[in-house]
Every structure is written in C-alpha cells, then in structure tokens.
Amino acid sequence: MKNILIVSKDSQLSNVIAIFLKREDYQVFVEDCGEHAAKVFRETAIDIIITEPYFNRGSVNGEQLASMYLSLQPRGKLLIMSGGEYEGTYPFIQKPFSVEDFLDKVSEILGE
C-alpha cells in the first residue's frame, strides 16, 4: 500500500481528495501546515506528497516542504496543485480538476 501525504490550507478539498484516494487503497495522511507535514514524513515513509506551492499556515510553504521531503526521501514523489499559475519543476495539476484526472495523475507519478 502506498502512503500519500496531502498538505493544503483547504481542509475541505483535502478531505475529499483523501476519500477518493482511500477508495483506491492508498494510505492517506492529511495536514494543513508544513511543520506538521514534516513530522509525518520524518516518521513515516511517504511515497508522494500532494501540496500547494504556497500556503499561509506555519512558516514552511509548499516549495520549502518539497525540498525538505526530498532531502530525506530522495526517491519521493510530489504533485503540486494550484488554482493559479505554477512555474516550478514538480509535476502539477490545475485546480479545479476532475477526480478521474487527479487519480490518473497520481497513478502516473507513482508509476502505476
């Protein structure tokens, strides 16, 4: 079973995403700030983090979180989701997205 960590300031979106991922037999962790998310991936092998590039909870944003995660788990995967533009280097999905497109993107990144 793959472990997925969702980090978003939008708890409603995170919870909906988590429901659909659990239906696909993923183990899902949900956090709303970078500090709490970092604690999760320090204690648990996370296969992919799904986050936003920027969020206003705590002192760690999505880009910083990605860097911290990859320094600990170099083979880790990331998916950035945003309703705005994203010019970064990580795989990206534009909000709003369909459940099907989202699940396809996660499977693609995980190589399934």
PDB file of N, CA and C in Angstrom:
ATOM      1  N   MET A   1       0.844  -1.180   0.000  1.00  0.00           N
ATOM      2  CA  MET A   1       0.000   0.000   0.000  1.00  0.00           C
ATOM      3  C   MET A   1       0.889   1.242   0.000  1.00  0.00           C
ATOM      4  N   LYS A   2       0.595   2.171  -0.879  1.00  0.00           N
ATOM      5  CA  LYS A   2       1.356   3.419  -0.980  1.00  0.00           C
ATOM      6  C   LYS A   2       0.843   4.432   0.052  1.00  0.00           C
ATOM      7  N   ASN A   3       1.774   5.202   0.604  1.00  0.00           N
ATOM      8  CA  ASN A   3       1.439   6.249   1.569  1.00  0.00           C
ATOM      9  C   ASN A   3       1.449   7.606   0.887  1.00  0.00           C
ATOM     10  N   ILE A   4       0.350   8.331   1.059  1.00  0.00           N
ATOM     11  CA  ILE A   4       0.205   9.656   0.451  1.00  0.00           C
ATOM     12  C   ILE A   4      -0.033  10.682   1.552  1.00  0.00           C
ATOM     13  N   LEU A   5       0.675  11.794   1.454  1.00  0.00           N
ATOM     14  CA  LEU A   5       0.502  12.910   2.382  1.00  0.00           C
ATOM     15  C   LEU A   5      -0.060  14.093   1.610  1.00  0.00           C
ATOM     16  N   ILE A   6      -1.211  14.583   2.044  1.00  0.00           N
ATOM     17  CA  ILE A   6      -1.834  15.771   1.452  1.00  0.00           C
ATOM     18  C   ILE A   6      -1.590  16.931   2.404  1.00  0.00           C
ATOM     19  N   VAL A   7      -1.056  18.026   1.867  1.00  0.00           N
ATOM     20  CA  VAL A   7      -0.804  19.219   2.675  1.00  0.00           C
ATOM     21  C   VAL A   7      -1.454  20.390   1.965  1.00  0.00           C
ATOM     22  N   SER A   8      -2.503  20.929   2.590  1.00  0.00           N
ATOM     23  CA  SER A   8      -3.244  22.024   1.965  1.00  0.00           C
ATOM     24  C   SER A   8      -3.923  22.863   3.028  1.00  0.00           C
ATOM     25  N   LYS A   9      -4.056  24.137   2.746  1.00  0.00           N
ATOM     26  CA  LYS A   9      -4.806  25.021   3.641  1.00  0.00           C
ATOM     27  C   LYS A   9      -6.309  24.807   3.492  1.00  0.00           C
ATOM     28  N   ASP A  10      -6.721  24.158   2.410  1.00  0.00           N
ATOM     29  CA  ASP A  10      -8.138  23.910   2.125  1.00  0.00           C
ATOM     30  C   ASP A  10      -8.527  22.529   2.663  1.00  0.00           C
ATOM     31  N   SER A  11      -9.010  22.502   3.900  1.00  0.00           N
ATOM     32  CA  SER A  11      -9.315  21.214   4.538  1.00  0.00           C
ATOM     33  C   SER A  11     -10.447  20.475   3.837  1.00  0.00           C
ATOM     34  N   GLN A  12     -11.402  21.191   3.283  1.00  0.00           N
ATOM     35  CA  GLN A  12     -12.493  20.520   2.564  1.00  0.00           C
ATOM     36  C   GLN A  12     -11.954  19.774   1.349  1.00  0.00           C
ATOM     37  N   LEU A  13     -11.118  20.431   0.571  1.00  0.00           N
ATOM     38  CA  LEU A  13     -10.526  19.789  -0.598  1.00  0.00           C
ATOM     39  C   LEU A  13      -9.665  18.599  -0.173  1.00  0.00           C
ATOM     40  N   SER A  14      -8.854  18.775   0.850  1.00  0.00           N
ATOM     41  CA  SER A  14      -8.000  17.687   1.331  1.00  0.00           C
ATOM     42  C   SER A  14      -8.822  16.476   1.735  1.00  0.00           C
ATOM     43  N   ASN A  15      -9.907  16.706   2.434  1.00  0.00           N
ATOM     44  CA  ASN A  15     -10.737  15.601   2.900  1.00  0.00           C
ATOM     45  C   ASN A  15     -11.428  14.887   1.747  1.00  0.00           C
ATOM     46  N   VAL A  16     -11.872  15.611   0.743  1.00  0.00           N
ATOM     47  CA  VAL A  16     -12.499  14.990  -0.428  1.00  0.00           C
ATOM     48  C   VAL A  16     -11.459  14.165  -1.197  1.00  0.00           C
ATOM     49  N   ILE A  17     -10.293  14.744  -1.411  1.00  0.00           N
ATOM     50  CA  ILE A  17      -9.218  14.020  -2.089  1.00  0.00           C
ATOM     51  C   ILE A  17      -8.878  12.750  -1.321  1.00  0.00           C
ATOM     52  N   ALA A  18      -8.783  12.862  -0.003  1.00  0.00           N
ATOM     53  CA  ALA A  18      -8.445  11.706   0.828  1.00  0.00           C
ATOM     54  C   ALA A  18      -9.465  10.586   0.666  1.00  0.00           C
ATOM     55  N   ILE A  19     -10.734  10.915   0.597  1.00  0.00           N
ATOM     56  CA  ILE A  19     -11.785   9.902   0.419  1.00  0.00           C
ATOM     57  C   ILE A  19     -11.552   9.119  -0.867  1.00  0.00           C
ATOM     58  N   PHE A  20     -11.314   9.832  -1.951  1.00  0.00           N
ATOM     59  CA  PHE A  20     -11.122   9.161  -3.239  1.00  0.00           C
ATOM     60  C   PHE A  20      -9.826   8.340  -3.274  1.00  0.00           C
ATOM     61  N   LEU A  21      -8.783   8.837  -2.652  1.00  0.00           N
ATOM     62  CA  LEU A  21      -7.532   8.085  -2.611  1.00  0.00           C
ATOM     63  C   LEU A  21      -7.674   6.819  -1.764  1.00  0.00           C
ATOM     64  N   LYS A  22      -8.376   6.920  -0.649  1.00  0.00           N
ATOM     65  CA  LYS A  22      -8.592   5.740   0.201  1.00  0.00           C
ATOM     66  C   LYS A  22      -9.396   4.680  -0.538  1.00  0.00           C
ATOM     67  N   ARG A  23     -10.339   5.106  -1.362  1.00  0.00           N
ATOM     68  CA  ARG A  23     -11.112   4.154  -2.169  1.00  0.00           C
ATOM     69  C   ARG A  23     -10.232   3.397  -3.155  1.00  0.00           C
ATOM     70  N   GLU A  24      -9.086   3.984  -3.492  1.00  0.00           N
ATOM     71  CA  GLU A  24      -8.127   3.340  -4.396  1.00  0.00           C
ATOM     72  C   GLU A  24      -7.063   2.562  -3.611  1.00  0.00           C
ATOM     73  N   ASP A  25      -7.308   2.368  -2.326  1.00  0.00           N
ATOM     74  CA  ASP A  25      -6.432   1.594  -1.432  1.00  0.00           C
ATOM     75  C   ASP A  25      -5.095   2.262  -1.111  1.00  0.00           C
ATOM     76  N   TYR A  26      -5.076   3.576  -1.081  1.00  0.00           N
ATOM     77  CA  TYR A  26      -3.900   4.295  -0.606  1.00  0.00           C
ATOM     78  C   TYR A  26      -4.076   4.581   0.887  1.00  0.00           C
ATOM     79  N   GLN A  27      -2.969   4.613   1.614  1.00  0.00           N
ATOM     80  CA  GLN A  27      -2.962   5.090   2.992  1.00  0.00           C
ATOM     81  C   GLN A  27      -2.765   6.601   2.905  1.00  0.00           C
ATOM     82  N   VAL A  28      -3.645   7.375   3.507  1.00  0.00           N
ATOM     83  CA  VAL A  28      -3.622   8.831   3.329  1.00  0.00           C
ATOM     84  C   VAL A  28      -3.453   9.539   4.668  1.00  0.00           C
ATOM     85  N   PHE A  29      -2.554  10.519   4.665  1.00  0.00           N
ATOM     86  CA  PHE A  29      -2.337  11.407   5.800  1.00  0.00           C
ATOM     87  C   PHE A  29      -2.687  12.818   5.324  1.00  0.00           C
ATOM     88  N   VAL A  30      -3.350  13.601   6.164  1.00  0.00           N
ATOM     89  CA  VAL A  30      -3.747  14.957   5.798  1.00  0.00           C
ATOM     90  C   VAL A  30      -3.227  15.926   6.853  1.00  0.00           C
ATOM     91  N   GLU A  31      -2.554  16.969   6.398  1.00  0.00           N
ATOM     92  CA  GLU A  31      -2.066  18.023   7.285  1.00  0.00           C
ATOM     93  C   GLU A  31      -2.354  19.380   6.650  1.00  0.00           C
ATOM     94  N   ASP A  32      -2.441  20.410   7.493  1.00  0.00           N
ATOM     95  CA  ASP A  32      -2.725  21.744   6.964  1.00  0.00           C
ATOM     96  C   ASP A  32      -1.577  22.723   7.144  1.00  0.00           C
ATOM     97  N   CYS A  33      -0.437  22.236   7.646  1.00  0.00           N
ATOM     98  CA  CYS A  33       0.726  23.120   7.739  1.00  0.00           C
ATOM     99  C   CYS A  33       2.004  22.317   7.519  1.00  0.00           C
ATOM    100  N   GLY A  34       3.020  23.006   7.060  1.00  0.00           N
ATOM    101  CA  GLY A  34       4.270  22.368   6.705  1.00  0.00           C
ATOM    102  C   GLY A  34       4.985  21.699   7.861  1.00  0.00           C
ATOM    103  N   GLU A  35       4.940  22.321   9.042  1.00  0.00           N
ATOM    104  CA  GLU A  35       5.620  21.746  10.193  1.00  0.00           C
ATOM    105  C   GLU A  35       5.029  20.385  10.565  1.00  0.00           C
ATOM    106  N   HIS A  36       3.701  20.289  10.572  1.00  0.00           N
ATOM    107  CA  HIS A  36       3.056  19.014  10.898  1.00  0.00           C
ATOM    108  C   HIS A  36       3.330  17.979   9.805  1.00  0.00           C
ATOM    109  N   ALA A  37       3.314  18.419   8.564  1.00  0.00           N
ATOM    110  CA  ALA A  37       3.598  17.517   7.444  1.00  0.00           C
ATOM    111  C   ALA A  37       5.020  16.962   7.548  1.00  0.00           C
ATOM    112  N   ALA A  38       5.967  17.815   7.896  1.00  0.00           N
ATOM    113  CA  ALA A  38       7.361  17.373   8.023  1.00  0.00           C
ATOM    114  C   ALA A  38       7.492  16.311   9.105  1.00  0.00           C
ATOM    115  N   LYS A  39       6.755  16.453  10.184  1.00  0.00           N
ATOM    116  CA  LYS A  39       6.769  15.437  11.245  1.00  0.00           C
ATOM    117  C   LYS A  39       6.279  14.100  10.690  1.00  0.00           C
ATOM    118  N   VAL A  40       5.237  14.130   9.854  1.00  0.00           N
ATOM    119  CA  VAL A  40       4.704  12.896   9.278  1.00  0.00           C
ATOM    120  C   VAL A  40       5.761  12.216   8.411  1.00  0.00           C
ATOM    121  N   PHE A  41       6.387  12.954   7.482  1.00  0.00           N
ATOM    122  CA  PHE A  41       7.325  12.266   6.589  1.00  0.00           C
ATOM    123  C   PHE A  41       8.664  11.942   7.246  1.00  0.00           C
ATOM    124  N   ARG A  42       8.934  12.514   8.400  1.00  0.00           N
ATOM    125  CA  ARG A  42      10.116  12.091   9.157  1.00  0.00           C
ATOM    126  C   ARG A  42       9.860  10.757   9.871  1.00  0.00           C
ATOM    127  N   GLU A  43       8.591  10.507  10.201  1.00  0.00           N
ATOM    128  CA  GLU A  43       8.229   9.305  10.960  1.00  0.00           C
ATOM    129  C   GLU A  43       7.663   8.183  10.095  1.00  0.00           C
ATOM    130  N   THR A  44       7.251   8.495   8.877  1.00  0.00           N
ATOM    131  CA  THR A  44       6.576   7.525   8.010  1.00  0.00           C
ATOM    132  C   THR A  44       7.153   7.627   6.607  1.00  0.00           C
ATOM    133  N   ALA A  45       7.340   6.504   5.953  1.00  0.00           N
ATOM    134  CA  ALA A  45       7.792   6.511   4.555  1.00  0.00           C
ATOM    135  C   ALA A  45       6.625   6.950   3.679  1.00  0.00           C
ATOM    136  N   ILE A  46       6.726   8.134   3.125  1.00  0.00           N
ATOM    137  CA  ILE A  46       5.682   8.703   2.281  1.00  0.00           C
ATOM    138  C   ILE A  46       6.108   8.543   0.824  1.00  0.00           C
ATOM    139  N   ASP A  47       5.212   7.987   0.006  1.00  0.00           N
ATOM    140  CA  ASP A  47       5.515   7.763  -1.406  1.00  0.00           C
ATOM    141  C   ASP A  47       5.296   9.009  -2.255  1.00  0.00           C
ATOM    142  N   ILE A  48       4.320   9.824  -1.878  1.00  0.00           N
ATOM    143  CA  ILE A  48       4.047  11.054  -2.630  1.00  0.00           C
ATOM    144  C   ILE A  48       3.423  12.088  -1.695  1.00  0.00           C
ATOM    145  N   ILE A  49       3.859  13.316  -1.867  1.00  0.00           N
ATOM    146  CA  ILE A  49       3.220  14.446  -1.184  1.00  0.00           C
ATOM    147  C   ILE A  49       2.445  15.230  -2.225  1.00  0.00           C
ATOM    148  N   ILE A  50       1.207  15.529  -1.893  1.00  0.00           N
ATOM    149  CA  ILE A  50       0.350  16.361  -2.732  1.00  0.00           C
ATOM    150  C   ILE A  50       0.147  17.658  -1.964  1.00  0.00           C
ATOM    151  N   THR A  51       0.573  18.763  -2.550  1.00  0.00           N
ATOM    152  CA  THR A  51       0.530  20.027  -1.831  1.00  0.00           C
ATOM    153  C   THR A  51       0.321  21.190  -2.784  1.00  0.00           C
ATOM    154  N   GLU A  52       0.213  22.359  -2.196  1.00  0.00           N
ATOM    155  CA  GLU A  52       0.123  23.610  -2.948  1.00  0.00           C
ATOM    156  C   GLU A  52       1.502  24.269  -2.904  1.00  0.00           C
ATOM    157  N   PRO A  53       1.808  25.092  -3.896  1.00  0.00           N
ATOM    158  CA  PRO A  53       3.126  25.725  -3.866  1.00  0.00           C
ATOM    159  C   PRO A  53       3.272  26.716  -2.714  1.00  0.00           C
ATOM    160  N   TYR A  54       2.169  27.336  -2.330  1.00  0.00           N
ATOM    161  CA  TYR A  54       2.198  28.337  -1.261  1.00  0.00           C
ATOM    162  C   TYR A  54       0.967  28.156  -0.388  1.00  0.00           C
ATOM    163  N   PHE A  55       1.154  28.197   0.904  1.00  0.00           N
ATOM    164  CA  PHE A  55       0.039  28.232   1.831  1.00  0.00           C
ATOM    165  C   PHE A  55       0.455  29.034   3.042  1.00  0.00           C
ATOM    166  N   ASN A  56      -0.506  29.558   3.766  1.00  0.00           N
ATOM    167  CA  ASN A  56      -0.223  30.524   4.821  1.00  0.00           C
ATOM    168  C   ASN A  56      -0.329  29.957   6.226  1.00  0.00           C
ATOM    169  N   ARG A  57      -0.137  28.691   6.389  1.00  0.00           N
ATOM    170  CA  ARG A  57      -0.211  28.095   7.728  1.00  0.00           C
ATOM    171  C   ARG A  57       1.198  27.668   8.136  1.00  0.00           C
ATOM    172  N   GLY A  58       1.684  28.244   9.204  1.00  0.00           N
ATOM    173  CA  GLY A  58       3.019  27.906   9.663  1.00  0.00           C
ATOM    174  C   GLY A  58       4.081  28.642   8.870  1.00  0.00           C
ATOM    175  N   SER A  59       5.314  28.278   9.112  1.00  0.00           N
ATOM    176  CA  SER A  59       6.421  29.007   8.496  1.00  0.00           C
ATOM    177  C   SER A  59       7.016  28.299   7.287  1.00  0.00           C
ATOM    178  N   VAL A  60       6.498  27.111   6.925  1.00  0.00           N
ATOM    179  CA  VAL A  60       7.034  26.343   5.804  1.00  0.00           C
ATOM    180  C   VAL A  60       6.017  26.314   4.676  1.00  0.00           C
ATOM    181  N   ASN A  61       6.384  26.811   3.483  1.00  0.00           N
ATOM    182  CA  ASN A  61       5.454  26.771   2.352  1.00  0.00           C
ATOM    183  C   ASN A  61       5.650  25.478   1.555  1.00  0.00           C
ATOM    184  N   GLY A  62       4.857  25.282   0.518  1.00  0.00           N
ATOM    185  CA  GLY A  62       4.889  24.054  -0.262  1.00  0.00           C
ATOM    186  C   GLY A  62       6.225  23.773  -0.920  1.00  0.00           C
ATOM    187  N   GLU A  63       6.849  24.793  -1.459  1.00  0.00           N
ATOM    188  CA  GLU A  63       8.155  24.611  -2.100  1.00  0.00           C
ATOM    189  C   GLU A  63       9.220  24.207  -1.073  1.00  0.00           C
ATOM    190  N   GLN A  64       9.208  24.851   0.079  1.00  0.00           N
ATOM    191  CA  GLN A  64      10.163  24.504   1.134  1.00  0.00           C
ATOM    192  C   GLN A  64       9.902  23.083   1.644  1.00  0.00           C
ATOM    193  N   LEU A  65       8.628  22.741   1.785  1.00  0.00           N
ATOM    194  CA  LEU A  65       8.254  21.405   2.227  1.00  0.00           C
ATOM    195  C   LEU A  65       8.770  20.354   1.244  1.00  0.00           C
ATOM    196  N   ALA A  66       8.605  20.616  -0.034  1.00  0.00           N
ATOM    197  CA  ALA A  66       9.090  19.693  -1.068  1.00  0.00           C
ATOM    198  C   ALA A  66      10.592  19.480  -0.943  1.00  0.00           C
ATOM    199  N   SER A  67      11.325  20.542  -0.742  1.00  0.00           N
ATOM    200  CA  SER A  67      12.775  20.462  -0.606  1.00  0.00           C
ATOM    201  C   SER A  67      13.172  19.641   0.624  1.00  0.00           C
ATOM    202  N   MET A  68      12.508  19.879   1.748  1.00  0.00           N
ATOM    203  CA  MET A  68      12.782  19.134   2.975  1.00  0.00           C
ATOM    204  C   MET A  68      12.492  17.644   2.770  1.00  0.00           C
ATOM    205  N   TYR A  69      11.360  17.358   2.160  1.00  0.00           N
ATOM    206  CA  TYR A  69      10.940  15.977   1.920  1.00  0.00           C
ATOM    207  C   TYR A  69      11.945  15.242   1.032  1.00  0.00           C
ATOM    208  N   LEU A  70      12.331  15.870  -0.065  1.00  0.00           N
ATOM    209  CA  LEU A  70      13.257  15.218  -0.996  1.00  0.00           C
ATOM    210  C   LEU A  70      14.659  15.062  -0.420  1.00  0.00           C
ATOM    211  N   SER A  71      15.040  15.914   0.524  1.00  0.00           N
ATOM    212  CA  SER A  71      16.338  15.739   1.165  1.00  0.00           C
ATOM    213  C   SER A  71      16.342  14.505   2.070  1.00  0.00           C
ATOM    214  N   LEU A  72      15.183  14.166   2.632  1.00  0.00           N
ATOM    215  CA  LEU A  72      15.066  12.976   3.476  1.00  0.00           C
ATOM    216  C   LEU A  72      14.714  11.722   2.679  1.00  0.00           C
ATOM    217  N   GLN A  73      13.915  11.898   1.635  1.00  0.00           N
ATOM    218  CA  GLN A  73      13.457  10.776   0.811  1.00  0.00           C
ATOM    219  C   GLN A  73      13.708  11.127  -0.658  1.00  0.00           C
ATOM    220  N   PRO A  74      14.967  10.997  -1.113  1.00  0.00           N
ATOM    221  CA  PRO A  74      15.340  11.442  -2.460  1.00  0.00           C
ATOM    222  C   PRO A  74      14.518  10.813  -3.586  1.00  0.00           C
ATOM    223  N   ARG A  75      13.967   9.638  -3.366  1.00  0.00           N
ATOM    224  CA  ARG A  75      13.139   8.997  -4.397  1.00  0.00           C
ATOM    225  C   ARG A  75      11.660   9.335  -4.240  1.00  0.00           C
ATOM    226  N   GLY A  76      11.358  10.226  -3.314  1.00  0.00           N
ATOM    227  CA  GLY A  76       9.976  10.626  -3.082  1.00  0.00           C
ATOM    228  C   GLY A  76       9.390  11.329  -4.297  1.00  0.00           C
ATOM    229  N   LYS A  77       8.080  11.335  -4.358  1.00  0.00           N
ATOM    230  CA  LYS A  77       7.355  11.957  -5.472  1.00  0.00           C
ATOM    231  C   LYS A  77       6.529  13.117  -4.942  1.00  0.00           C
ATOM    232  N   LEU A  78       6.271  14.061  -5.830  1.00  0.00           N
ATOM    233  CA  LEU A  78       5.488  15.247  -5.478  1.00  0.00           C
ATOM    234  C   LEU A  78       4.452  15.536  -6.544  1.00  0.00           C
ATOM    235  N   LEU A  79       3.335  16.103  -6.102  1.00  0.00           N
ATOM    236  CA  LEU A  79       2.336  16.652  -7.011  1.00  0.00           C
ATOM    237  C   LEU A  79       1.900  17.986  -6.438  1.00  0.00           C
ATOM    238  N   ILE A  80       2.066  19.023  -7.237  1.00  0.00           N
ATOM    239  CA  ILE A  80       1.656  20.366  -6.842  1.00  0.00           C
ATOM    240  C   ILE A  80       0.288  20.640  -7.453  1.00  0.00           C
ATOM    241  N   MET A  81      -0.635  21.158  -6.628  1.00  0.00           N
ATOM    242  CA  MET A  81      -1.952  21.536  -7.130  1.00  0.00           C
ATOM    243  C   MET A  81      -2.167  23.009  -6.821  1.00  0.00           C
ATOM    244  N   SER A  82      -2.733  23.711  -7.800  1.00  0.00           N
ATOM    245  CA  SER A  82      -2.948  25.142  -7.616  1.00  0.00           C
ATOM    246  C   SER A  82      -4.039  25.632  -8.549  1.00  0.00           C
ATOM    247  N   GLY A  83      -4.759  26.612  -8.065  1.00  0.00           N
ATOM    248  CA  GLY A  83      -5.750  27.276  -8.899  1.00  0.00           C
ATOM    249  C   GLY A  83      -5.136  28.394  -9.718  1.00  0.00           C
ATOM    250  N   GLY A  84      -3.878  28.686  -9.470  1.00  0.00           N
ATOM    251  CA  GLY A  84      -3.176  29.743 -10.197  1.00  0.00           C
ATOM    252  C   GLY A  84      -2.067  29.167 -11.053  1.00  0.00           C
ATOM    253  N   GLU A  85      -1.206  30.032 -11.465  1.00  0.00           N
ATOM    254  CA  GLU A  85      -0.057  29.634 -12.280  1.00  0.00           C
ATOM    255  C   GLU A  85       0.970  28.931 -11.394  1.00  0.00           C
ATOM    256  N   TYR A  86       1.709  28.015 -12.000  1.00  0.00           N
ATOM    257  CA  TYR A  86       2.813  27.360 -11.297  1.00  0.00           C
ATOM    258  C   TYR A  86       3.951  27.212 -12.279  1.00  0.00           C
ATOM    259  N   GLU A  87       5.086  27.772 -11.930  1.00  0.00           N
ATOM    260  CA  GLU A  87       6.255  27.756 -12.814  1.00  0.00           C
ATOM    261  C   GLU A  87       7.369  26.884 -12.260  1.00  0.00           C
ATOM    262  N   GLY A  88       7.065  26.028 -11.298  1.00  0.00           N
ATOM    263  CA  GLY A  88       8.086  25.218 -10.655  1.00  0.00           C
ATOM    264  C   GLY A  88       8.482  24.000 -11.464  1.00  0.00           C
ATOM    265  N   THR A  89       9.256  23.138 -10.833  1.00  0.00           N
ATOM    266  CA  THR A  89       9.822  21.972 -11.519  1.00  0.00           C
ATOM    267  C   THR A  89       9.095  20.670 -11.204  1.00  0.00           C
ATOM    268  N   TYR A  90       8.149  20.688 -10.292  1.00  0.00           N
ATOM    269  CA  TYR A  90       7.469  19.465  -9.884  1.00  0.00           C
ATOM    270  C   TYR A  90       6.215  19.235 -10.722  1.00  0.00           C
ATOM    271  N   PRO A  91       5.761  17.977 -10.810  1.00  0.00           N
ATOM    272  CA  PRO A  91       4.511  17.701 -11.528  1.00  0.00           C
ATOM    273  C   PRO A  91       3.372  18.548 -10.948  1.00  0.00           C
ATOM    274  N   PHE A  92       2.474  18.956 -11.822  1.00  0.00           N
ATOM    275  CA  PHE A  92       1.459  19.953 -11.469  1.00  0.00           C
ATOM    276  C   PHE A  92       0.092  19.541 -12.000  1.00  0.00           C
ATOM    277  N   ILE A  93      -0.951  19.843 -11.210  1.00  0.00           N
ATOM    278  CA  ILE A  93      -2.326  19.712 -11.684  1.00  0.00           C
ATOM    279  C   ILE A  93      -3.063  21.002 -11.348  1.00  0.00           C
ATOM    280  N   GLN A  94      -3.770  21.504 -12.340  1.00  0.00           N
ATOM    281  CA  GLN A  94      -4.504  22.769 -12.213  1.00  0.00           C
ATOM    282  C   GLN A  94      -5.846  22.534 -11.536  1.00  0.00           C
ATOM    283  N   LYS A  95      -6.157  23.341 -10.507  1.00  0.00           N
ATOM    284  CA  LYS A  95      -7.478  23.310  -9.881  1.00  0.00           C
ATOM    285  C   LYS A  95      -8.395  24.237 -10.666  1.00  0.00           C
ATOM    286  N   PRO A  96      -9.641  23.935 -10.813  1.00  0.00           N
ATOM    287  CA  PRO A  96     -10.294  22.698 -10.375  1.00  0.00           C
ATOM    288  C   PRO A  96      -9.953  21.550 -11.315  1.00  0.00           C
ATOM    289  N   PHE A  97      -9.978  20.338 -10.786  1.00  0.00           N
ATOM    290  CA  PHE A  97      -9.706  19.148 -11.584  1.00  0.00           C
ATOM    291  C   PHE A  97     -10.774  18.109 -11.297  1.00  0.00           C
ATOM    292  N   SER A  98     -10.930  17.184 -12.224  1.00  0.00           N
ATOM    293  CA  SER A  98     -11.885  16.095 -12.004  1.00  0.00           C
ATOM    294  C   SER A  98     -11.207  15.016 -11.162  1.00  0.00           C
ATOM    295  N   VAL A  99     -12.016  14.223 -10.499  1.00  0.00           N
ATOM    296  CA  VAL A  99     -11.484  13.123  -9.700  1.00  0.00           C
ATOM    297  C   VAL A  99     -10.693  12.179 -10.594  1.00  0.00           C
ATOM    298  N   GLU A 100     -11.234  11.875 -11.759  1.00  0.00           N
ATOM    299  CA  GLU A 100     -10.566  10.959 -12.692  1.00  0.00           C
ATOM    300  C   GLU A 100      -9.196  11.493 -13.110  1.00  0.00           C
ATOM    301  N   ASP A 101      -9.130  12.775 -13.483  1.00  0.00           N
ATOM    302  CA  ASP A 101      -7.852  13.369 -13.877  1.00  0.00           C
ATOM    303  C   ASP A 101      -6.855  13.358 -12.717  1.00  0.00           C
ATOM    304  N   PHE A 102      -7.354  13.645 -11.532  1.00  0.00           N
ATOM    305  CA  PHE A 102      -6.493  13.667 -10.355  1.00  0.00           C
ATOM    306  C   PHE A 102      -5.919  12.277 -10.070  1.00  0.00           C
ATOM    307  N   LEU A 103      -6.776  11.265 -10.039  1.00  0.00           N
ATOM    308  CA  LEU A 103      -6.320   9.901  -9.766  1.00  0.00           C
ATOM    309  C   LEU A 103      -5.370   9.407 -10.849  1.00  0.00           C
ATOM    310  N   ASP A 104      -5.647   9.768 -12.107  1.00  0.00           N
ATOM    311  CA  ASP A 104      -4.740   9.408 -13.206  1.00  0.00           C
ATOM    312  C   ASP A 104      -3.364  10.040 -13.000  1.00  0.00           C
ATOM    313  N   LYS A 105      -3.344  11.296 -12.577  1.00  0.00           N
ATOM    314  CA  LYS A 105      -2.075  11.995 -12.366  1.00  0.00           C
ATOM    315  C   LYS A 105      -1.267  11.359 -11.235  1.00  0.00           C
ATOM    316  N   VAL A 106      -1.958  11.016 -10.154  1.00  0.00           N
ATOM    317  CA  VAL A 106      -1.271  10.376  -9.021  1.00  0.00           C
ATOM    318  C   VAL A 106      -0.696   9.023  -9.474  1.00  0.00           C
ATOM    319  N   SER A 107      -1.484   8.228 -10.181  1.00  0.00           N
ATOM    320  CA  SER A 107      -1.002   6.922 -10.670  1.00  0.00           C
ATOM    321  C   SER A 107       0.185   7.079 -11.596  1.00  0.00           C
ATOM    322  N   GLU A 108       0.105   8.078 -12.467  1.00  0.00           N
ATOM    323  CA  GLU A 108       1.205   8.337 -13.404  1.00  0.00           C
ATOM    324  C   GLU A 108       2.494   8.672 -12.650  1.00  0.00           C
ATOM    325  N   ILE A 109       2.408   9.540 -11.664  1.00  0.00           N
ATOM    326  CA  ILE A 109       3.593   9.950 -10.909  1.00  0.00           C
ATOM    327  C   ILE A 109       4.167   8.778 -10.124  1.00  0.00           C
ATOM    328  N   LEU A 110       3.303   7.950  -9.583  1.00  0.00           N
ATOM    329  CA  LEU A 110       3.754   6.794  -8.802  1.00  0.00           C
ATOM    330  C   LEU A 110       4.215   5.641  -9.693  1.00  0.00           C
ATOM    331  N   GLY A 111       4.004   5.776 -10.994  1.00  0.00           N
ATOM    332  CA  GLY A 111       4.432   4.734 -11.927  1.00  0.00           C
ATOM    333  C   GLY A 111       3.568   3.491 -11.897  1.00  0.00           C
ATOM    334  N   GLU A 112       2.306   3.692 -11.633  1.00  0.00           N
ATOM    335  CA  GLU A 112       1.368   2.562 -11.563  1.00  0.00           C
ATOM    336  C   GLU A 112       0.571   2.410 -12.836  1.00  0.00           C
TER     337      GLU A 112
END
